């Protein structure tokens, strides 16, 4: 049977300025050789943003496909990625890479897709500790879990399309719905990330080791990594865009 394709997907909602971040991400992919013959790019976005994003893609040699969802709030824009299994064409894909838009690529992405990963595991870059609210501190029972346990950033996620990952995404959505819309709890400072971490850890479906050789957060200067991530405050644009443009000056 023919092997399934690779998929990269990103989300652009809430703030049209994020289309500028996406533009720089796409340009960096093109500079590094594009997607390759076996990889597609999917954009999760609001229907009103689709045409503007398509105009950006048309200036590059990177074809994109869309999954449009009528999400309007900052929080909904953040956890839209978890609705991947609502997309009708997901069955076509085997290995999947989620990228935040505040990212620049500086290497061949085929190297990421060639990594030996397990079927029911979410691969991410280590960041913070679960004792902090940004990485699940308000969700974990810290009398059972060591608060010094490393967390991860949800800005880059690599995984195989498998029933185990589908269950993980579904359970995370249900957890968020229960806490925020039934229990009325406040939205976490780091939006959906604590929920992704908590559910990945409690289901033992995570790996924070492999990507450390390929991904870097807020780099000071270019190195040998493939993916450079420039996180800032959730929903913030200016700091992320500024860091990306300053880094580009060193790359080009």
C-alpha atoms as a PDB file:
ATOM      1  CA  UNK A   1       0.000   0.000   0.000  1.00  0.00           C
ATOM      2  CA  UNK A   2       1.241   3.487  -0.830  1.00  0.00           C
ATOM      3  CA  UNK A   3       2.597   5.337   2.195  1.00  0.00           C
ATOM      4  CA  UNK A   4       0.642   8.305   3.436  1.00  0.00           C
ATOM      5  CA  UNK A   5       1.828  11.871   2.924  1.00  0.00           C
ATOM      6  CA  UNK A   6       3.420  14.241   5.425  1.00  0.00           C
ATOM      7  CA  UNK A   7       1.481  17.252   6.698  1.00  0.00           C
ATOM      8  CA  UNK A   8       2.555  20.606   8.145  1.00  0.00           C
ATOM      9  CA  UNK A   9      -0.201  22.695   9.649  1.00  0.00           C
ATOM     10  CA  UNK A  10      -0.480  26.151  11.206  1.00  0.00           C
ATOM     11  CA  UNK A  11      -3.252  28.302  12.660  1.00  0.00           C
ATOM     12  CA  UNK A  12      -4.067  31.946  11.913  1.00  0.00           C
ATOM     13  CA  UNK A  13      -7.010  33.453  13.799  1.00  0.00           C
ATOM     14  CA  UNK A  14      -7.997  36.470  15.894  1.00  0.00           C
ATOM     15  CA  UNK A  15      -5.323  38.923  14.727  1.00  0.00           C
ATOM     16  CA  UNK A  16      -4.777  39.599  11.022  1.00  0.00           C
ATOM     17  CA  UNK A  17      -1.221  40.736  11.832  1.00  0.00           C
ATOM     18  CA  UNK A  18      -0.408  37.056  12.283  1.00  0.00           C
ATOM     19  CA  UNK A  19      -0.625  36.722   8.512  1.00  0.00           C
ATOM     20  CA  UNK A  20       2.683  38.623   8.469  1.00  0.00           C
ATOM     21  CA  UNK A  21       4.210  36.013  10.764  1.00  0.00           C
ATOM     22  CA  UNK A  22       2.894  33.266   8.509  1.00  0.00           C
ATOM     23  CA  UNK A  23       4.370  35.047   5.507  1.00  0.00           C
ATOM     24  CA  UNK A  24       7.852  34.983   7.033  1.00  0.00           C
ATOM     25  CA  UNK A  25       7.427  31.329   7.981  1.00  0.00           C
ATOM     26  CA  UNK A  26       6.427  30.414   4.420  1.00  0.00           C
ATOM     27  CA  UNK A  27       9.271  32.451   2.936  1.00  0.00           C
ATOM     28  CA  UNK A  28      11.746  30.630   5.166  1.00  0.00           C
ATOM     29  CA  UNK A  29      10.364  27.262   4.062  1.00  0.00           C
ATOM     30  CA  UNK A  30      10.764  28.304   0.429  1.00  0.00           C
ATOM     31  CA  UNK A  31      14.360  29.484   1.008  1.00  0.00           C
ATOM     32  CA  UNK A  32      15.202  26.075   2.435  1.00  0.00           C
ATOM     33  CA  UNK A  33      13.893  24.122  -0.527  1.00  0.00           C
ATOM     34  CA  UNK A  34      10.144  24.140  -0.038  1.00  0.00           C
ATOM     35  CA  UNK A  35       7.967  21.339   1.220  1.00  0.00           C
ATOM     36  CA  UNK A  36       9.173  18.425  -0.870  1.00  0.00           C
ATOM     37  CA  UNK A  37       7.045  16.217  -3.084  1.00  0.00           C
ATOM     38  CA  UNK A  38       5.472  14.243  -0.246  1.00  0.00           C
ATOM     39  CA  UNK A  39       4.476  17.070   2.102  1.00  0.00           C
ATOM     40  CA  UNK A  40       1.431  19.366   2.156  1.00  0.00           C
ATOM     41  CA  UNK A  41       0.737  22.575   4.082  1.00  0.00           C
ATOM     42  CA  UNK A  42      -2.604  23.117   5.806  1.00  0.00           C
ATOM     43  CA  UNK A  43      -3.750  26.439   7.267  1.00  0.00           C
ATOM     44  CA  UNK A  44      -6.420  26.534   9.974  1.00  0.00           C
ATOM     45  CA  UNK A  45      -8.041  29.948   9.759  1.00  0.00           C
ATOM     46  CA  UNK A  46     -11.176  32.054   9.932  1.00  0.00           C
ATOM     47  CA  UNK A  47     -13.123  32.217   6.641  1.00  0.00           C
ATOM     48  CA  UNK A  48     -12.497  35.988   6.476  1.00  0.00           C
ATOM     49  CA  UNK A  49      -8.717  35.458   6.436  1.00  0.00           C
ATOM     50  CA  UNK A  50      -8.567  32.856   3.689  1.00  0.00           C
ATOM     51  CA  UNK A  51      -8.239  35.209   0.699  1.00  0.00           C
ATOM     52  CA  UNK A  52      -5.465  37.274   2.277  1.00  0.00           C
ATOM     53  CA  UNK A  53      -3.509  34.150   3.172  1.00  0.00           C
ATOM     54  CA  UNK A  54      -3.977  32.776  -0.333  1.00  0.00           C
ATOM     55  CA  UNK A  55      -2.518  36.012  -1.749  1.00  0.00           C
ATOM     56  CA  UNK A  56       0.607  35.477   0.371  1.00  0.00           C
ATOM     57  CA  UNK A  57       0.899  31.862  -0.771  1.00  0.00           C
ATOM     58  CA  UNK A  58       0.461  32.879  -4.408  1.00  0.00           C
ATOM     59  CA  UNK A  59       3.654  34.955  -4.222  1.00  0.00           C
ATOM     60  CA  UNK A  60       5.585  31.813  -3.260  1.00  0.00           C
ATOM     61  CA  UNK A  61       6.017  28.347  -4.692  1.00  0.00           C
ATOM     62  CA  UNK A  62       4.246  26.785  -1.718  1.00  0.00           C
ATOM     63  CA  UNK A  63       0.721  25.463  -2.300  1.00  0.00           C
ATOM     64  CA  UNK A  64      -1.601  25.596   0.700  1.00  0.00           C
ATOM     65  CA  UNK A  65      -4.929  24.068   1.617  1.00  0.00           C
ATOM     66  CA  UNK A  66      -7.381  25.455   4.152  1.00  0.00           C
ATOM     67  CA  UNK A  67      -9.561  24.305   7.005  1.00  0.00           C
ATOM     68  CA  UNK A  68     -11.834  27.211   7.923  1.00  0.00           C
ATOM     69  CA  UNK A  69     -13.417  27.493  11.367  1.00  0.00           C
ATOM     70  CA  UNK A  70     -15.475  30.439  12.618  1.00  0.00           C
ATOM     71  CA  UNK A  71     -13.331  31.053  15.734  1.00  0.00           C
ATOM     72  CA  UNK A  72     -13.023  34.644  16.901  1.00  0.00           C
ATOM     73  CA  UNK A  73     -11.506  34.734  20.395  1.00  0.00           C
ATOM     74  CA  UNK A  74      -7.854  34.516  21.388  1.00  0.00           C
ATOM     75  CA  UNK A  75      -8.415  31.293  23.288  1.00  0.00           C
ATOM     76  CA  UNK A  76     -10.340  29.638  20.470  1.00  0.00           C
ATOM     77  CA  UNK A  77      -7.568  30.643  18.065  1.00  0.00           C
ATOM     78  CA  UNK A  78      -5.014  28.951  20.313  1.00  0.00           C
ATOM     79  CA  UNK A  79      -6.757  25.615  20.697  1.00  0.00           C
ATOM     80  CA  UNK A  80      -8.058  25.381  17.120  1.00  0.00           C
ATOM     81  CA  UNK A  81      -5.130  23.064  16.321  1.00  0.00           C
ATOM     82  CA  UNK A  82      -6.720  20.359  18.454  1.00  0.00           C
ATOM     83  CA  UNK A  83      -9.594  20.089  15.969  1.00  0.00           C
ATOM     84  CA  UNK A  84      -7.292  18.494  13.393  1.00  0.00           C
ATOM     85  CA  UNK A  85      -9.363  15.336  13.345  1.00  0.00           C
ATOM     86  CA  UNK A  86     -12.425  17.303  12.257  1.00  0.00           C
ATOM     87  CA  UNK A  87     -10.673  17.942   8.927  1.00  0.00           C
ATOM     88  CA  UNK A  88     -12.076  15.560   6.339  1.00  0.00           C
ATOM     89  CA  UNK A  89      -8.747  14.826   4.596  1.00  0.00           C
ATOM     90  CA  UNK A  90      -6.741  13.892   7.685  1.00  0.00           C
ATOM     91  CA  UNK A  91      -6.809  10.187   6.711  1.00  0.00           C
ATOM     92  CA  UNK A  92      -4.420  10.945   3.813  1.00  0.00           C
ATOM     93  CA  UNK A  93      -1.521  11.755   6.148  1.00  0.00           C
ATOM     94  CA  UNK A  94       0.942   9.775   8.209  1.00  0.00           C
ATOM     95  CA  UNK A  95       3.445  12.065   9.937  1.00  0.00           C
ATOM     96  CA  UNK A  96       2.282  15.518  11.028  1.00  0.00           C
ATOM     97  CA  UNK A  97       4.175  18.638  12.127  1.00  0.00           C
ATOM     98  CA  UNK A  98       2.342  21.495  13.828  1.00  0.00           C
ATOM     99  CA  UNK A  99       4.098  24.883  13.719  1.00  0.00           C
ATOM    100  CA  UNK A 100       3.164  28.141  15.390  1.00  0.00           C
ATOM    101  CA  UNK A 101       3.383  31.071  12.973  1.00  0.00           C
ATOM    102  CA  UNK A 102       6.174  32.780  14.970  1.00  0.00           C
ATOM    103  CA  UNK A 103       8.713  30.378  13.491  1.00  0.00           C
ATOM    104  CA  UNK A 104      11.507  30.483  10.914  1.00  0.00           C
ATOM    105  CA  UNK A 105      12.848  27.425   9.129  1.00  0.00           C
ATOM    106  CA  UNK A 106      16.587  27.149   8.478  1.00  0.00           C
ATOM    107  CA  UNK A 107      16.999  23.643   7.128  1.00  0.00           C
ATOM    108  CA  UNK A 108      15.383  20.871   5.123  1.00  0.00           C
ATOM    109  CA  UNK A 109      12.138  19.828   6.805  1.00  0.00           C
ATOM    110  CA  UNK A 110      12.449  16.316   5.375  1.00  0.00           C
ATOM    111  CA  UNK A 111      14.984  15.692   8.168  1.00  0.00           C
ATOM    112  CA  UNK A 112      12.231  16.261  10.736  1.00  0.00           C
ATOM    113  CA  UNK A 113       9.849  13.897   8.986  1.00  0.00           C
ATOM    114  CA  UNK A 114      12.576  11.250   8.802  1.00  0.00           C
ATOM    115  CA  UNK A 115      12.945  11.072  12.591  1.00  0.00           C
ATOM    116  CA  UNK A 116      12.069   7.714  14.166  1.00  0.00           C
ATOM    117  CA  UNK A 117       8.947   8.476  16.172  1.00  0.00           C
ATOM    118  CA  UNK A 118       6.480   6.204  17.944  1.00  0.00           C
ATOM    119  CA  UNK A 119       2.832   5.999  16.813  1.00  0.00           C
ATOM    120  CA  UNK A 120       1.057   7.310  19.925  1.00  0.00           C
ATOM    121  CA  UNK A 121       3.516   9.931  21.144  1.00  0.00           C
ATOM    122  CA  UNK A 122       3.605  13.725  20.978  1.00  0.00           C
ATOM    123  CA  UNK A 123       7.120  15.060  20.355  1.00  0.00           C
ATOM    124  CA  UNK A 124       7.912  18.560  21.613  1.00  0.00           C
ATOM    125  CA  UNK A 125      10.728  20.800  22.826  1.00  0.00           C
ATOM    126  CA  UNK A 126      11.421  20.806  26.558  1.00  0.00           C
ATOM    127  CA  UNK A 127      10.532  24.081  28.255  1.00  0.00           C
ATOM    128  CA  UNK A 128       9.719  25.148  31.814  1.00  0.00           C
ATOM    129  CA  UNK A 129       8.462  22.871  34.587  1.00  0.00           C
ATOM    130  CA  UNK A 130       4.988  21.548  35.363  1.00  0.00           C
ATOM    131  CA  UNK A 131       4.982  23.343  38.695  1.00  0.00           C
ATOM    132  CA  UNK A 132       4.386  26.590  36.793  1.00  0.00           C
ATOM    133  CA  UNK A 133       0.917  27.528  35.553  1.00  0.00           C
ATOM    134  CA  UNK A 134       2.314  28.023  32.038  1.00  0.00           C
ATOM    135  CA  UNK A 135       3.118  24.300  31.878  1.00  0.00           C
ATOM    136  CA  UNK A 136       0.219  22.781  33.807  1.00  0.00           C
ATOM    137  CA  UNK A 137       0.797  23.762  37.421  1.00  0.00           C
ATOM    138  CA  UNK A 138      -2.907  24.516  37.952  1.00  0.00           C
ATOM    139  CA  UNK A 139      -3.936  21.134  36.556  1.00  0.00           C
ATOM    140  CA  UNK A 140      -1.464  18.610  37.976  1.00  0.00           C
ATOM    141  CA  UNK A 141      -1.828  17.230  41.483  1.00  0.00           C
ATOM    142  CA  UNK A 142       1.565  18.443  42.691  1.00  0.00           C
ATOM    143  CA  UNK A 143       1.396  16.193  45.727  1.00  0.00           C
ATOM    144  CA  UNK A 144       1.715  13.320  43.248  1.00  0.00           C
ATOM    145  CA  UNK A 145       3.668  14.943  40.416  1.00  0.00           C
ATOM    146  CA  UNK A 146       7.082  16.478  41.058  1.00  0.00           C
ATOM    147  CA  UNK A 147       6.701  20.206  40.263  1.00  0.00           C
ATOM    148  CA  UNK A 148      10.279  20.197  38.933  1.00  0.00           C
ATOM    149  CA  UNK A 149       9.279  17.790  36.148  1.00  0.00           C
ATOM    150  CA  UNK A 150      10.176  19.426  32.811  1.00  0.00           C
ATOM    151  CA  UNK A 151       7.324  20.682  30.635  1.00  0.00           C
ATOM    152  CA  UNK A 152       7.311  21.528  26.964  1.00  0.00           C
ATOM    153  CA  UNK A 153       6.333  24.237  24.522  1.00  0.00           C
ATOM    154  CA  UNK A 154       3.355  23.456  22.319  1.00  0.00           C
ATOM    155  CA  UNK A 155       4.658  25.737  19.537  1.00  0.00           C
ATOM    156  CA  UNK A 156       6.217  22.806  17.645  1.00  0.00           C
ATOM    157  CA  UNK A 157       4.556  19.401  17.789  1.00  0.00           C
ATOM    158  CA  UNK A 158       5.580  16.322  15.805  1.00  0.00           C
ATOM    159  CA  UNK A 159       3.448  13.184  15.792  1.00  0.00           C
ATOM    160  CA  UNK A 160       2.147  10.289  13.774  1.00  0.00           C
ATOM    161  CA  UNK A 161      -1.477  10.218  12.717  1.00  0.00           C
ATOM    162  CA  UNK A 162      -2.689   7.462  15.018  1.00  0.00           C
ATOM    163  CA  UNK A 163      -5.733   6.508  17.102  1.00  0.00           C
ATOM    164  CA  UNK A 164      -3.758   7.303  20.251  1.00  0.00           C
ATOM    165  CA  UNK A 165      -3.084  10.884  19.162  1.00  0.00           C
ATOM    166  CA  UNK A 166      -6.693  11.317  18.063  1.00  0.00           C
ATOM    167  CA  UNK A 167      -7.778  10.231  21.554  1.00  0.00           C
ATOM    168  CA  UNK A 168      -5.261  12.646  23.112  1.00  0.00           C
ATOM    169  CA  UNK A 169      -6.605  15.598  21.108  1.00  0.00           C
ATOM    170  CA  UNK A 170     -10.225  14.634  21.817  1.00  0.00           C
ATOM    171  CA  UNK A 171      -9.607  14.255  25.549  1.00  0.00           C
ATOM    172  CA  UNK A 172      -7.808  17.600  25.683  1.00  0.00           C
ATOM    173  CA  UNK A 173     -10.739  19.341  23.993  1.00  0.00           C
ATOM    174  CA  UNK A 174     -13.164  17.692  26.401  1.00  0.00           C
ATOM    175  CA  UNK A 175     -10.999  18.669  29.387  1.00  0.00           C
ATOM    176  CA  UNK A 176     -10.959  22.290  28.231  1.00  0.00           C
ATOM    177  CA  UNK A 177     -14.729  22.278  27.635  1.00  0.00           C
ATOM    178  CA  UNK A 178     -15.404  20.852  31.092  1.00  0.00           C
ATOM    179  CA  UNK A 179     -13.149  23.287  32.944  1.00  0.00           C
ATOM    180  CA  UNK A 180     -13.996  26.483  31.079  1.00  0.00           C
ATOM    181  CA  UNK A 181     -17.580  26.029  29.948  1.00  0.00           C
ATOM    182  CA  UNK A 182     -19.070  23.740  32.601  1.00  0.00           C
ATOM    183  CA  UNK A 183     -17.003  24.548  35.704  1.00  0.00           C
ATOM    184  CA  UNK A 184     -16.482  28.181  34.672  1.00  0.00           C
ATOM    185  CA  UNK A 185     -12.775  28.218  35.489  1.00  0.00           C
ATOM    186  CA  UNK A 186     -10.630  31.059  34.179  1.00  0.00           C
ATOM    187  CA  UNK A 187      -8.650  30.709  30.981  1.00  0.00           C
ATOM    188  CA  UNK A 188      -5.006  29.862  31.817  1.00  0.00           C
ATOM    189  CA  UNK A 189      -2.356  32.519  31.221  1.00  0.00           C
ATOM    190  CA  UNK A 190      -0.751  30.287  28.598  1.00  0.00           C
ATOM    191  CA  UNK A 191      -4.096  29.427  27.010  1.00  0.00           C
ATOM    192  CA  UNK A 192      -4.398  25.803  25.836  1.00  0.00           C
ATOM    193  CA  UNK A 193      -0.766  24.758  26.395  1.00  0.00           C
ATOM    194  CA  UNK A 194      -1.220  23.565  30.021  1.00  0.00           C
ATOM    195  CA  UNK A 195      -4.064  21.295  28.911  1.00  0.00           C
ATOM    196  CA  UNK A 196      -2.025  19.755  26.104  1.00  0.00           C
ATOM    197  CA  UNK A 197       0.845  19.085  28.500  1.00  0.00           C
ATOM    198  CA  UNK A 198      -1.355  17.684  31.269  1.00  0.00           C
ATOM    199  CA  UNK A 199      -3.168  15.250  28.988  1.00  0.00           C
ATOM    200  CA  UNK A 200       0.014  14.167  27.183  1.00  0.00           C
ATOM    201  CA  UNK A 201       1.719  13.483  30.522  1.00  0.00           C
ATOM    202  CA  UNK A 202      -1.164  11.722  32.255  1.00  0.00           C
ATOM    203  CA  UNK A 203      -1.624   9.495  29.175  1.00  0.00           C
ATOM    204  CA  UNK A 204       2.152   8.969  28.902  1.00  0.00           C
ATOM    205  CA  UNK A 205       2.157  10.147  25.296  1.00  0.00           C
ATOM    206  CA  UNK A 206       5.061  12.580  25.159  1.00  0.00           C
ATOM    207  CA  UNK A 207       8.735  12.815  24.300  1.00  0.00           C
ATOM    208  CA  UNK A 208      10.789  15.942  25.017  1.00  0.00           C
ATOM    209  CA  UNK A 209      14.204  14.620  24.003  1.00  0.00           C
ATOM    210  CA  UNK A 210      14.374  14.085  20.244  1.00  0.00           C
ATOM    211  CA  UNK A 211      13.471  17.601  19.080  1.00  0.00           C
ATOM    212  CA  UNK A 212      16.112  19.353  21.194  1.00  0.00           C
ATOM    213  CA  UNK A 213      18.638  18.744  18.397  1.00  0.00           C
ATOM    214  CA  UNK A 214      16.368  20.331  15.786  1.00  0.00           C
ATOM    215  CA  UNK A 215      14.350  23.099  17.478  1.00  0.00           C
ATOM    216  CA  UNK A 216      15.382  26.199  19.452  1.00  0.00           C
ATOM    217  CA  UNK A 217      13.346  28.841  21.265  1.00  0.00           C
ATOM    218  CA  UNK A 218      14.345  32.516  21.011  1.00  0.00           C
ATOM    219  CA  UNK A 219      17.808  31.914  19.511  1.00  0.00           C
ATOM    220  CA  UNK A 220      20.466  34.583  19.943  1.00  0.00           C
ATOM    221  CA  UNK A 221      22.212  33.731  16.676  1.00  0.00           C
ATOM    222  CA  UNK A 222      21.834  31.156  13.882  1.00  0.00           C
ATOM    223  CA  UNK A 223      23.172  27.699  14.573  1.00  0.00           C
ATOM    224  CA  UNK A 224      22.578  24.179  13.326  1.00  0.00           C
ATOM    225  CA  UNK A 225      18.906  23.869  14.227  1.00  0.00           C
ATOM    226  CA  UNK A 226      16.162  23.483  11.617  1.00  0.00           C
ATOM    227  CA  UNK A 227      13.291  25.200  13.434  1.00  0.00           C
ATOM    228  CA  UNK A 228      13.668  28.516  15.267  1.00  0.00           C
ATOM    229  CA  UNK A 229      10.727  29.570  17.420  1.00  0.00           C
ATOM    230  CA  UNK A 230      10.193  33.132  18.673  1.00  0.00           C
ATOM    231  CA  UNK A 231       7.517  32.918  21.381  1.00  0.00           C
ATOM    232  CA  UNK A 232       6.267  35.883  23.340  1.00  0.00           C
ATOM    233  CA  UNK A 233       3.111  36.701  25.242  1.00  0.00           C
ATOM    234  CA  UNK A 234       0.051  34.775  24.034  1.00  0.00           C
ATOM    235  CA  UNK A 235      -1.639  36.752  21.287  1.00  0.00           C
ATOM    236  CA  UNK A 236       1.172  39.298  21.138  1.00  0.00           C
ATOM    237  CA  UNK A 237       2.422  40.254  17.692  1.00  0.00           C
ATOM    238  CA  UNK A 238       4.983  43.060  17.863  1.00  0.00           C
ATOM    239  CA  UNK A 239       7.610  41.310  19.998  1.00  0.00           C
ATOM    240  CA  UNK A 240       7.419  38.119  17.944  1.00  0.00           C
ATOM    241  CA  UNK A 241       7.623  39.890  14.599  1.00  0.00           C
ATOM    242  CA  UNK A 242      10.490  42.084  15.778  1.00  0.00           C
ATOM    243  CA  UNK A 243      12.502  39.080  16.972  1.00  0.00           C
ATOM    244  CA  UNK A 244      11.867  37.262  13.704  1.00  0.00           C
ATOM    245  CA  UNK A 245      12.965  40.208  11.551  1.00  0.00           C
ATOM    246  CA  UNK A 246      16.097  40.781  13.642  1.00  0.00           C
ATOM    247  CA  UNK A 247      17.010  37.112  13.328  1.00  0.00           C
ATOM    248  CA  UNK A 248      16.412  37.201   9.586  1.00  0.00           C
ATOM    249  CA  UNK A 249      19.040  39.918   9.263  1.00  0.00           C
ATOM    250  CA  UNK A 250      21.574  37.440  10.639  1.00  0.00           C
ATOM    251  CA  UNK A 251      20.358  34.629   8.399  1.00  0.00           C
ATOM    252  CA  UNK A 252      20.340  36.500   5.090  1.00  0.00           C
END
